[in-house]
PDB file of all heavy atoms in Angstrom:
ATOM      1  N   SER A   1       0.871  -1.201   0.015  1.00  0.00           N
ATOM      2  CA  SER A   1       0.023   0.001  -0.014  1.00  0.00           C
ATOM      3  C   SER A   1       0.966   1.201   0.036  1.00  0.00           C
ATOM      4  O   SER A   1       1.814   1.339   0.820  1.00  0.00           O
ATOM      5  CB  SER A   1      -0.885   0.076   1.279  1.00  0.00           C
ATOM      6  OG  SER A   1      -1.698  -1.119   1.292  1.00  0.00           O
ATOM      7  N   ILE A   2       0.688   2.143  -0.930  1.00  0.00           N
ATOM      8  CA  ILE A   2       1.548   3.325  -1.129  1.00  0.00           C
ATOM      9  C   ILE A   2       0.858   4.481  -0.611  1.00  0.00           C
ATOM     10  O   ILE A   2      -0.206   4.921  -1.111  1.00  0.00           O
ATOM     11  CB  ILE A   2       1.939   3.524  -2.654  1.00  0.00           C
ATOM     12  CG1 ILE A   2       2.593   2.189  -3.145  1.00  0.00           C
ATOM     13  CG2 ILE A   2       2.765   4.812  -2.796  1.00  0.00           C
ATOM     14  CD1 ILE A   2       2.773   2.258  -4.656  1.00  0.00           C
ATOM     15  N   TYR A   3       1.386   5.054   0.539  1.00  0.00           N
ATOM     16  CA  TYR A   3       0.791   6.179   1.221  1.00  0.00           C
ATOM     17  C   TYR A   3       1.227   7.453   0.632  1.00  0.00           C
ATOM     18  O   TYR A   3       2.437   7.738   0.703  1.00  0.00           O
ATOM     19  CB  TYR A   3       1.037   6.098   2.712  1.00  0.00           C
ATOM     20  CG  TYR A   3       0.276   4.977   3.397  1.00  0.00           C
ATOM     21  CD1 TYR A   3       0.359   3.686   3.156  1.00  0.00           C
ATOM     22  CD2 TYR A   3      -0.820   5.388   4.350  1.00  0.00           C
ATOM     23  CE1 TYR A   3      -0.291   2.702   3.771  1.00  0.00           C
ATOM     24  CE2 TYR A   3      -1.536   4.342   4.996  1.00  0.00           C
ATOM     25  CZ  TYR A   3      -1.279   2.959   4.718  1.00  0.00           C
ATOM     26  OH  TYR A   3      -1.949   2.007   5.320  1.00  0.00           O
ATOM     27  N   LEU A   4       0.271   8.203   0.217  1.00  0.00           N
ATOM     28  CA  LEU A   4       0.757   9.431  -0.631  1.00  0.00           C
ATOM     29  C   LEU A   4      -0.177  10.653  -0.148  1.00  0.00           C
ATOM     30  O   LEU A   4      -1.379  10.471  -0.219  1.00  0.00           O
ATOM     31  CB  LEU A   4       0.521   9.144  -2.016  1.00  0.00           C
ATOM     32  CG  LEU A   4       0.721  10.250  -3.149  1.00  0.00           C
ATOM     33  CD1 LEU A   4       2.029  10.872  -2.936  1.00  0.00           C
ATOM     34  CD2 LEU A   4       0.514   9.605  -4.492  1.00  0.00           C
ATOM     35  N   GLN A   5       0.374  11.823   0.041  1.00  0.00           N
ATOM     36  CA  GLN A   5      -0.344  13.041   0.458  1.00  0.00           C
ATOM     37  C   GLN A   5      -1.013  13.590  -0.776  1.00  0.00           C
ATOM     38  O   GLN A   5      -0.316  13.990  -1.767  1.00  0.00           O
ATOM     39  CB  GLN A   5       0.582  14.047   1.071  1.00  0.00           C
ATOM     40  CG  GLN A   5      -0.013  15.233   1.560  1.00  0.00           C
ATOM     41  CD  GLN A   5      -1.066  15.075   2.762  1.00  0.00           C
ATOM     42  OE1 GLN A   5      -2.153  15.441   2.587  1.00  0.00           O
ATOM     43  NE2 GLN A   5      -0.657  14.269   3.754  1.00  0.00           N
ATOM     44  N   ARG A   6      -2.317  13.700  -0.754  1.00  0.00           N
ATOM     45  CA  ARG A   6      -3.091  14.085  -1.948  1.00  0.00           C
ATOM     46  C   ARG A   6      -2.769  15.484  -2.322  1.00  0.00           C
ATOM     47  O   ARG A   6      -2.625  15.827  -3.531  1.00  0.00           O
ATOM     48  CB  ARG A   6      -4.566  13.999  -1.640  1.00  0.00           C
ATOM     49  CG  ARG A   6      -5.473  14.306  -2.848  1.00  0.00           C
ATOM     50  CD  ARG A   6      -6.937  14.214  -2.528  1.00  0.00           C
ATOM     51  NE  ARG A   6      -7.436  12.967  -2.089  1.00  0.00           N
ATOM     52  CZ  ARG A   6      -7.808  11.974  -2.914  1.00  0.00           C
ATOM     53  NH1 ARG A   6      -7.790  12.184  -4.279  1.00  0.00           N
ATOM     54  NH2 ARG A   6      -8.209  10.809  -2.463  1.00  0.00           N
ATOM     55  N   ARG A   7      -2.493  16.389  -1.402  1.00  0.00           N
ATOM     56  CA  ARG A   7      -2.200  17.840  -1.740  1.00  0.00           C
ATOM     57  C   ARG A   7      -0.783  17.914  -2.446  1.00  0.00           C
ATOM     58  O   ARG A   7      -0.639  18.792  -3.095  1.00  0.00           O
ATOM     59  CB  ARG A   7      -2.288  18.686  -0.438  1.00  0.00           C
ATOM     60  CG  ARG A   7      -3.748  18.791  -0.017  1.00  0.00           C
ATOM     61  CD  ARG A   7      -3.763  19.464   1.339  1.00  0.00           C
ATOM     62  NE  ARG A   7      -3.279  18.461   2.365  1.00  0.00           N
ATOM     63  CZ  ARG A   7      -3.104  18.806   3.720  1.00  0.00           C
ATOM     64  NH1 ARG A   7      -3.406  20.080   4.197  1.00  0.00           N
ATOM     65  NH2 ARG A   7      -2.715  17.903   4.526  1.00  0.00           N
ATOM     66  N   GLU A   8       0.149  16.981  -2.095  1.00  0.00           N
ATOM     67  CA  GLU A   8       1.405  17.029  -2.759  1.00  0.00           C
ATOM     68  C   GLU A   8       1.251  16.727  -4.225  1.00  0.00           C
ATOM     69  O   GLU A   8       1.943  17.311  -5.080  1.00  0.00           O
ATOM     70  CB  GLU A   8       2.312  15.971  -2.151  1.00  0.00           C
ATOM     71  CG  GLU A   8       3.605  15.871  -2.720  1.00  0.00           C
ATOM     72  CD  GLU A   8       4.576  17.016  -2.420  1.00  0.00           C
ATOM     73  OE1 GLU A   8       4.247  18.012  -1.606  1.00  0.00           O
ATOM     74  OE2 GLU A   8       5.659  17.119  -3.016  1.00  0.00           O
ATOM     75  N   VAL A   9       0.215  15.912  -4.656  1.00  0.00           N
ATOM     76  CA  VAL A   9       0.000  15.601  -6.026  1.00  0.00           C
ATOM     77  C   VAL A   9      -0.512  16.849  -6.791  1.00  0.00           C
ATOM     78  O   VAL A   9      -0.009  17.255  -7.826  1.00  0.00           O
ATOM     79  CB  VAL A   9      -1.067  14.486  -6.170  1.00  0.00           C
ATOM     80  CG1 VAL A   9      -1.416  14.295  -7.628  1.00  0.00           C
ATOM     81  CG2 VAL A   9      -0.509  13.214  -5.627  1.00  0.00           C
ATOM     82  N   SER A  10      -1.426  17.630  -6.148  1.00  0.00           N
ATOM     83  CA  SER A  10      -1.907  18.842  -6.652  1.00  0.00           C
ATOM     84  C   SER A  10      -0.821  19.846  -6.852  1.00  0.00           C
ATOM     85  O   SER A  10      -0.781  20.586  -7.840  1.00  0.00           O
ATOM     86  CB  SER A  10      -3.075  19.395  -5.820  1.00  0.00           C
ATOM     87  OG  SER A  10      -4.130  18.478  -5.581  1.00  0.00           O
ATOM     88  N   PHE A  11       0.071  19.874  -5.821  1.00  0.00           N
ATOM     89  CA  PHE A  11       1.213  20.931  -5.951  1.00  0.00           C
ATOM     90  C   PHE A  11       2.086  20.458  -7.095  1.00  0.00           C
ATOM     91  O   PHE A  11       2.521  21.354  -7.919  1.00  0.00           O
ATOM     92  CB  PHE A  11       2.025  20.771  -4.616  1.00  0.00           C
ATOM     93  CG  PHE A  11       3.370  21.357  -4.766  1.00  0.00           C
ATOM     94  CD1 PHE A  11       3.469  22.785  -4.806  1.00  0.00           C
ATOM     95  CD2 PHE A  11       4.540  20.642  -4.666  1.00  0.00           C
ATOM     96  CE1 PHE A  11       4.770  23.388  -4.810  1.00  0.00           C
ATOM     97  CE2 PHE A  11       5.758  21.190  -4.781  1.00  0.00           C
ATOM     98  CZ  PHE A  11       5.945  22.534  -4.854  1.00  0.00           C
ATOM     99  N   ALA A  12       2.383  19.201  -7.324  1.00  0.00           N
ATOM    100  CA  ALA A  12       3.273  18.743  -8.409  1.00  0.00           C
ATOM    101  C   ALA A  12       2.579  18.987  -9.765  1.00  0.00           C
ATOM    102  O   ALA A  12       3.246  19.402 -10.715  1.00  0.00           O
ATOM    103  CB  ALA A  12       3.597  17.246  -8.268  1.00  0.00           C
ATOM    104  N   GLU A  13       1.250  18.832  -9.915  1.00  0.00           N
ATOM    105  CA  GLU A  13       0.594  19.110 -11.065  1.00  0.00           C
ATOM    106  C   GLU A  13       0.508  20.505 -11.444  1.00  0.00           C
ATOM    107  O   GLU A  13       0.415  20.933 -12.583  1.00  0.00           O
ATOM    108  CB  GLU A  13      -0.789  18.455 -11.032  1.00  0.00           C
ATOM    109  CG  GLU A  13      -0.740  16.954 -10.952  1.00  0.00           C
ATOM    110  CD  GLU A  13      -2.013  16.226 -10.885  1.00  0.00           C
ATOM    111  OE1 GLU A  13      -2.973  16.948 -10.330  1.00  0.00           O
ATOM    112  OE2 GLU A  13      -2.205  15.044 -11.161  1.00  0.00           O
ATOM    113  N   LEU A  14       0.547  21.465 -10.355  1.00  0.00           N
ATOM    114  CA  LEU A  14       0.409  22.855 -10.631  1.00  0.00           C
ATOM    115  C   LEU A  14       1.615  23.437 -11.257  1.00  0.00           C
ATOM    116  O   LEU A  14       1.630  24.341 -11.972  1.00  0.00           O
ATOM    117  CB  LEU A  14       0.089  23.462  -9.209  1.00  0.00           C
ATOM    118  CG  LEU A  14      -0.187  25.018  -9.284  1.00  0.00           C
ATOM    119  CD1 LEU A  14      -1.408  25.244 -10.015  1.00  0.00           C
ATOM    120  CD2 LEU A  14      -0.207  25.489  -7.882  1.00  0.00           C
ATOM    121  N   ILE A  15       2.861  22.877 -10.910  1.00  0.00           N
ATOM    122  CA  ILE A  15       4.118  23.434 -11.433  1.00  0.00           C
ATOM    123  C   ILE A  15       4.695  22.461 -12.392  1.00  0.00           C
ATOM    124  O   ILE A  15       5.743  21.878 -12.120  1.00  0.00           O
ATOM    125  CB  ILE A  15       5.014  23.807 -10.217  1.00  0.00           C
ATOM    126  CG1 ILE A  15       5.110  22.675  -9.250  1.00  0.00           C
ATOM    127  CG2 ILE A  15       4.525  25.040  -9.541  1.00  0.00           C
ATOM    128  CD1 ILE A  15       6.208  22.962  -8.254  1.00  0.00           C
ATOM    129  N   GLN A  16       4.071  22.435 -13.505  1.00  0.00           N
ATOM    130  CA  GLN A  16       4.472  21.385 -14.490  1.00  0.00           C
ATOM    131  C   GLN A  16       5.803  21.508 -15.145  1.00  0.00           C
ATOM    132  O   GLN A  16       6.315  20.663 -15.865  1.00  0.00           O
ATOM    133  CB  GLN A  16       3.456  21.349 -15.614  1.00  0.00           C
ATOM    134  CG  GLN A  16       2.197  20.704 -15.380  1.00  0.00           C
ATOM    135  CD  GLN A  16       2.298  19.176 -15.365  1.00  0.00           C
ATOM    136  OE1 GLN A  16       3.156  18.596 -16.006  1.00  0.00           O
ATOM    137  NE2 GLN A  16       1.417  18.478 -14.697  1.00  0.00           N
ATOM    138  N   ASP A  17       6.533  22.617 -14.803  1.00  0.00           N
ATOM    139  CA  ASP A  17       7.815  22.847 -15.422  1.00  0.00           C
ATOM    140  C   ASP A  17       8.939  22.580 -14.457  1.00  0.00           C
ATOM    141  O   ASP A  17      10.131  22.842 -14.708  1.00  0.00           O
ATOM    142  CB  ASP A  17       7.983  24.369 -15.998  1.00  0.00           C
ATOM    143  CG  ASP A  17       7.736  25.339 -14.893  1.00  0.00           C
ATOM    144  OD1 ASP A  17       7.220  24.962 -13.749  1.00  0.00           O
ATOM    145  OD2 ASP A  17       8.168  26.485 -15.059  1.00  0.00           O
ATOM    146  N   ASP A  18       8.665  21.969 -13.311  1.00  0.00           N
ATOM    147  CA  ASP A  18       9.637  21.746 -12.252  1.00  0.00           C
ATOM    148  C   ASP A  18      10.481  20.479 -12.581  1.00  0.00           C
ATOM    149  O   ASP A  18       9.944  19.399 -12.497  1.00  0.00           O
ATOM    150  CB  ASP A  18       9.015  21.706 -10.884  1.00  0.00           C
ATOM    151  CG  ASP A  18      10.062  21.633  -9.749  1.00  0.00           C
ATOM    152  OD1 ASP A  18      11.187  21.293  -9.976  1.00  0.00           O
ATOM    153  OD2 ASP A  18       9.638  22.040  -8.671  1.00  0.00           O
ATOM    154  N   ILE A  19      11.702  20.620 -12.904  1.00  0.00           N
ATOM    155  CA  ILE A  19      12.491  19.392 -13.236  1.00  0.00           C
ATOM    156  C   ILE A  19      12.873  18.478 -12.081  1.00  0.00           C
ATOM    157  O   ILE A  19      13.462  17.484 -12.316  1.00  0.00           O
ATOM    158  CB  ILE A  19      13.791  19.865 -14.100  1.00  0.00           C
ATOM    159  CG1 ILE A  19      14.660  20.782 -13.187  1.00  0.00           C
ATOM    160  CG2 ILE A  19      13.438  20.447 -15.387  1.00  0.00           C
ATOM    161  CD1 ILE A  19      15.964  21.168 -13.864  1.00  0.00           C
ATOM    162  N   SER A  20      12.451  18.879 -10.871  1.00  0.00           N
ATOM    163  CA  SER A  20      12.682  17.948  -9.769  1.00  0.00           C
ATOM    164  C   SER A  20      11.676  16.711  -9.837  1.00  0.00           C
ATOM    165  O   SER A  20      11.870  15.738  -9.152  1.00  0.00           O
ATOM    166  CB  SER A  20      12.527  18.683  -8.452  1.00  0.00           C
ATOM    167  OG  SER A  20      13.479  19.625  -8.199  1.00  0.00           O
ATOM    168  N   PHE A  21      10.553  16.937 -10.617  1.00  0.00           N
ATOM    169  CA  PHE A  21       9.591  15.881 -10.708  1.00  0.00           C
ATOM    170  C   PHE A  21       9.820  15.212 -12.152  1.00  0.00           C
ATOM    171  O   PHE A  21      10.108  15.904 -13.205  1.00  0.00           O
ATOM    172  CB  PHE A  21       8.155  16.509 -10.683  1.00  0.00           C
ATOM    173  CG  PHE A  21       7.756  17.097  -9.389  1.00  0.00           C
ATOM    174  CD1 PHE A  21       7.779  18.506  -9.263  1.00  0.00           C
ATOM    175  CD2 PHE A  21       7.285  16.359  -8.433  1.00  0.00           C
ATOM    176  CE1 PHE A  21       7.487  19.125  -8.132  1.00  0.00           C
ATOM    177  CE2 PHE A  21       6.979  16.970  -7.189  1.00  0.00           C
ATOM    178  CZ  PHE A  21       7.101  18.285  -7.109  1.00  0.00           C
ATOM    179  N   ASP A  22       9.610  13.868 -12.137  1.00  0.00           N
ATOM    180  CA  ASP A  22       9.654  13.155 -13.394  1.00  0.00           C
ATOM    181  C   ASP A  22       8.235  12.887 -13.699  1.00  0.00           C
ATOM    182  O   ASP A  22       7.598  11.926 -13.332  1.00  0.00           O
ATOM    183  CB  ASP A  22      10.433  11.777 -13.241  1.00  0.00           C
ATOM    184  CG  ASP A  22      10.661  11.113 -14.556  1.00  0.00           C
ATOM    185  OD1 ASP A  22       9.658  11.160 -15.426  1.00  0.00           O
ATOM    186  OD2 ASP A  22      11.658  10.438 -14.654  1.00  0.00           O
ATOM    187  N   TYR A  23       7.595  13.711 -14.575  1.00  0.00           N
ATOM    188  CA  TYR A  23       6.131  13.681 -14.745  1.00  0.00           C
ATOM    189  C   TYR A  23       5.643  12.406 -15.527  1.00  0.00           C
ATOM    190  O   TYR A  23       4.587  11.981 -15.324  1.00  0.00           O
ATOM    191  CB  TYR A  23       5.668  14.920 -15.516  1.00  0.00           C
ATOM    192  CG  TYR A  23       5.809  16.198 -14.648  1.00  0.00           C
ATOM    193  CD1 TYR A  23       6.879  17.061 -14.648  1.00  0.00           C
ATOM    194  CD2 TYR A  23       4.719  16.461 -13.708  1.00  0.00           C
ATOM    195  CE1 TYR A  23       6.981  18.202 -13.801  1.00  0.00           C
ATOM    196  CE2 TYR A  23       4.826  17.546 -12.839  1.00  0.00           C
ATOM    197  CZ  TYR A  23       5.908  18.344 -12.914  1.00  0.00           C
ATOM    198  OH  TYR A  23       5.968  19.514 -12.082  1.00  0.00           O
ATOM    199  N   GLU A  24       6.533  11.901 -16.372  1.00  0.00           N
ATOM    200  CA  GLU A  24       6.213  10.683 -17.068  1.00  0.00           C
ATOM    201  C   GLU A  24       5.985   9.508 -16.058  1.00  0.00           C
ATOM    202  O   GLU A  24       5.000   8.789 -16.083  1.00  0.00           O
ATOM    203  CB  GLU A  24       7.279  10.267 -18.090  1.00  0.00           C
ATOM    204  CG  GLU A  24       6.965   8.978 -18.819  1.00  0.00           C
ATOM    205  CD  GLU A  24       8.049   8.579 -19.825  1.00  0.00           C
ATOM    206  OE1 GLU A  24       9.067   9.285 -19.869  1.00  0.00           O
ATOM    207  OE2 GLU A  24       7.920   7.571 -20.494  1.00  0.00           O
ATOM    208  N   ILE A  25       6.989   9.332 -15.176  1.00  0.00           N
ATOM    209  CA  ILE A  25       6.821   8.325 -14.174  1.00  0.00           C
ATOM    210  C   ILE A  25       5.743   8.625 -13.095  1.00  0.00           C
ATOM    211  O   ILE A  25       4.957   7.784 -12.674  1.00  0.00           O
ATOM    212  CB  ILE A  25       8.235   8.025 -13.518  1.00  0.00           C
ATOM    213  CG1 ILE A  25       9.111   7.355 -14.470  1.00  0.00           C
ATOM    214  CG2 ILE A  25       8.061   7.115 -12.270  1.00  0.00           C
ATOM    215  CD1 ILE A  25      10.491   7.077 -13.952  1.00  0.00           C
ATOM    216  N   LEU A  26       5.670   9.913 -12.755  1.00  0.00           N
ATOM    217  CA  LEU A  26       4.685  10.286 -11.709  1.00  0.00           C
ATOM    218  C   LEU A  26       3.225   9.973 -12.281  1.00  0.00           C
ATOM    219  O   LEU A  26       2.373   9.525 -11.509  1.00  0.00           O
ATOM    220  CB  LEU A  26       4.754  11.824 -11.432  1.00  0.00           C
ATOM    221  CG  LEU A  26       3.772  12.359 -10.439  1.00  0.00           C
ATOM    222  CD1 LEU A  26       3.859  11.576  -9.121  1.00  0.00           C
ATOM    223  CD2 LEU A  26       4.056  13.907 -10.180  1.00  0.00           C
ATOM    224  N   GLU A  27       3.058  10.222 -13.501  1.00  0.00           N
ATOM    225  CA  GLU A  27       1.689   9.909 -14.110  1.00  0.00           C
ATOM    226  C   GLU A  27       1.319   8.431 -13.944  1.00  0.00           C
ATOM    227  O   GLU A  27       0.271   8.053 -13.697  1.00  0.00           O
ATOM    228  CB  GLU A  27       1.677  10.370 -15.563  1.00  0.00           C
ATOM    229  CG  GLU A  27       0.328  10.133 -16.329  1.00  0.00           C
ATOM    230  CD  GLU A  27       0.309  10.527 -17.712  1.00  0.00           C
ATOM    231  OE1 GLU A  27       1.351  11.152 -18.172  1.00  0.00           O
ATOM    232  OE2 GLU A  27      -0.639  10.310 -18.462  1.00  0.00           O
ATOM    233  N   GLU A  28       2.426   7.646 -14.138  1.00  0.00           N
ATOM    234  CA  GLU A  28       2.122   6.192 -14.066  1.00  0.00           C
ATOM    235  C   GLU A  28       1.944   5.773 -12.589  1.00  0.00           C
ATOM    236  O   GLU A  28       1.131   4.847 -12.346  1.00  0.00           O
ATOM    237  CB  GLU A  28       3.372   5.371 -14.591  1.00  0.00           C
ATOM    238  CG  GLU A  28       3.533   5.630 -16.109  1.00  0.00           C
ATOM    239  CD  GLU A  28       2.369   5.168 -16.871  1.00  0.00           C
ATOM    240  OE1 GLU A  28       1.685   4.156 -16.576  1.00  0.00           O
ATOM    241  OE2 GLU A  28       2.050   5.866 -17.943  1.00  0.00           O
ATOM    242  N   ILE A  29       2.608   6.453 -11.618  1.00  0.00           N
ATOM    243  CA  ILE A  29       2.550   6.119 -10.235  1.00  0.00           C
ATOM    244  C   ILE A  29       1.005   6.438  -9.854  1.00  0.00           C
ATOM    245  O   ILE A  29       0.335   5.695  -9.102  1.00  0.00           O
ATOM    246  CB  ILE A  29       3.396   6.874  -9.383  1.00  0.00           C
ATOM    247  CG1 ILE A  29       4.824   6.445  -9.568  1.00  0.00           C
ATOM    248  CG2 ILE A  29       3.001   6.923  -7.854  1.00  0.00           C
ATOM    249  CD1 ILE A  29       5.928   7.363  -8.964  1.00  0.00           C
ATOM    250  N   LEU A  30       0.526   7.564 -10.261  1.00  0.00           N
ATOM    251  CA  LEU A  30      -0.864   7.968  -9.811  1.00  0.00           C
ATOM    252  C   LEU A  30      -1.918   7.114 -10.424  1.00  0.00           C
ATOM    253  O   LEU A  30      -3.156   7.184 -10.023  1.00  0.00           O
ATOM    254  CB  LEU A  30      -1.095   9.425 -10.294  1.00  0.00           C
ATOM    255  CG  LEU A  30      -0.169  10.478  -9.593  1.00  0.00           C
ATOM    256  CD1 LEU A  30      -0.424  11.830 -10.122  1.00  0.00           C
ATOM    257  CD2 LEU A  30      -0.305  10.379  -8.109  1.00  0.00           C
ATOM    258  N   LYS A  31      -1.648   6.193 -11.390  1.00  0.00           N
ATOM    259  CA  LYS A  31      -2.621   5.261 -11.869  1.00  0.00           C
ATOM    260  C   LYS A  31      -2.705   4.018 -11.131  1.00  0.00           C
ATOM    261  O   LYS A  31      -3.514   3.144 -11.353  1.00  0.00           O
ATOM    262  CB  LYS A  31      -2.319   4.849 -13.280  1.00  0.00           C
ATOM    263  CG  LYS A  31      -2.323   5.970 -14.403  1.00  0.00           C
ATOM    264  CD  LYS A  31      -1.812   5.512 -15.704  1.00  0.00           C
ATOM    265  CE  LYS A  31      -1.810   6.580 -16.744  1.00  0.00           C
ATOM    266  NZ  LYS A  31      -1.216   6.082 -18.074  1.00  0.00           N
ATOM    267  N   LEU A  32      -1.684   3.813 -10.170  1.00  0.00           N
ATOM    268  CA  LEU A  32      -1.609   2.526  -9.464  1.00  0.00           C
ATOM    269  C   LEU A  32      -2.854   2.328  -8.576  1.00  0.00           C
ATOM    270  O   LEU A  32      -3.360   3.266  -7.929  1.00  0.00           O
ATOM    271  CB  LEU A  32      -0.373   2.623  -8.589  1.00  0.00           C
ATOM    272  CG  LEU A  32       0.971   2.565  -9.287  1.00  0.00           C
ATOM    273  CD1 LEU A  32       2.150   2.611  -8.344  1.00  0.00           C
ATOM    274  CD2 LEU A  32       1.099   1.257 -10.129  1.00  0.00           C
ATOM    275  N   PRO A  33      -3.400   1.097  -8.526  1.00  0.00           N
ATOM    276  CA  PRO A  33      -4.533   0.807  -7.676  1.00  0.00           C
ATOM    277  C   PRO A  33      -4.258   0.679  -6.163  1.00  0.00           C
ATOM    278  O   PRO A  33      -5.193   0.739  -5.475  1.00  0.00           O
ATOM    279  CB  PRO A  33      -5.034  -0.569  -8.231  1.00  0.00           C
ATOM    280  CG  PRO A  33      -3.729  -1.284  -8.661  1.00  0.00           C
ATOM    281  CD  PRO A  33      -2.911  -0.129  -9.248  1.00  0.00           C
ATOM    282  N   ASN A  34      -3.023   0.704  -5.800  1.00  0.00           N
ATOM    283  CA  ASN A  34      -2.677   0.407  -4.342  1.00  0.00           C
ATOM    284  C   ASN A  34      -2.295   1.610  -3.588  1.00  0.00           C
ATOM    285  O   ASN A  34      -1.568   1.570  -2.609  1.00  0.00           O
ATOM    286  CB  ASN A  34      -1.568  -0.617  -4.267  1.00  0.00           C
ATOM    287  CG  ASN A  34      -0.379  -0.459  -5.242  1.00  0.00           C
ATOM    288  OD1 ASN A  34      -0.584   0.219  -6.232  1.00  0.00           O
ATOM    289  ND2 ASN A  34       0.751  -0.966  -4.844  1.00  0.00           N
ATOM    290  N   ILE A  35      -2.717   2.822  -4.158  1.00  0.00           N
ATOM    291  CA  ILE A  35      -2.393   4.039  -3.384  1.00  0.00           C
ATOM    292  C   ILE A  35      -3.448   4.255  -2.284  1.00  0.00           C
ATOM    293  O   ILE A  35      -4.653   4.097  -2.482  1.00  0.00           O
ATOM    294  CB  ILE A  35      -2.475   5.288  -4.402  1.00  0.00           C
ATOM    295  CG1 ILE A  35      -1.325   5.235  -5.390  1.00  0.00           C
ATOM    296  CG2 ILE A  35      -2.394   6.609  -3.604  1.00  0.00           C
ATOM    297  CD1 ILE A  35      -1.269   6.371  -6.360  1.00  0.00           C
ATOM    298  N   VAL A  36      -2.865   4.655  -1.133  1.00  0.00           N
ATOM    299  CA  VAL A  36      -3.673   5.144  -0.028  1.00  0.00           C
ATOM    300  C   VAL A  36      -3.586   6.634   0.081  1.00  0.00           C
ATOM    301  O   VAL A  36      -2.512   7.157   0.417  1.00  0.00           O
ATOM    302  CB  VAL A  36      -3.241   4.436   1.326  1.00  0.00           C
ATOM    303  CG1 VAL A  36      -4.148   4.955   2.500  1.00  0.00           C
ATOM    304  CG2 VAL A  36      -3.350   2.981   1.259  1.00  0.00           C
TER     305      VAL A  36
END
């Protein structure tokens, strides 16, 4: 079970040009069925 702060996702999506995030992989992570 992958525990993830929902507001952190909104923050990451808001600043789409931040190279600290790997948006390709992040998009796949957010599709996972085992997120809490």
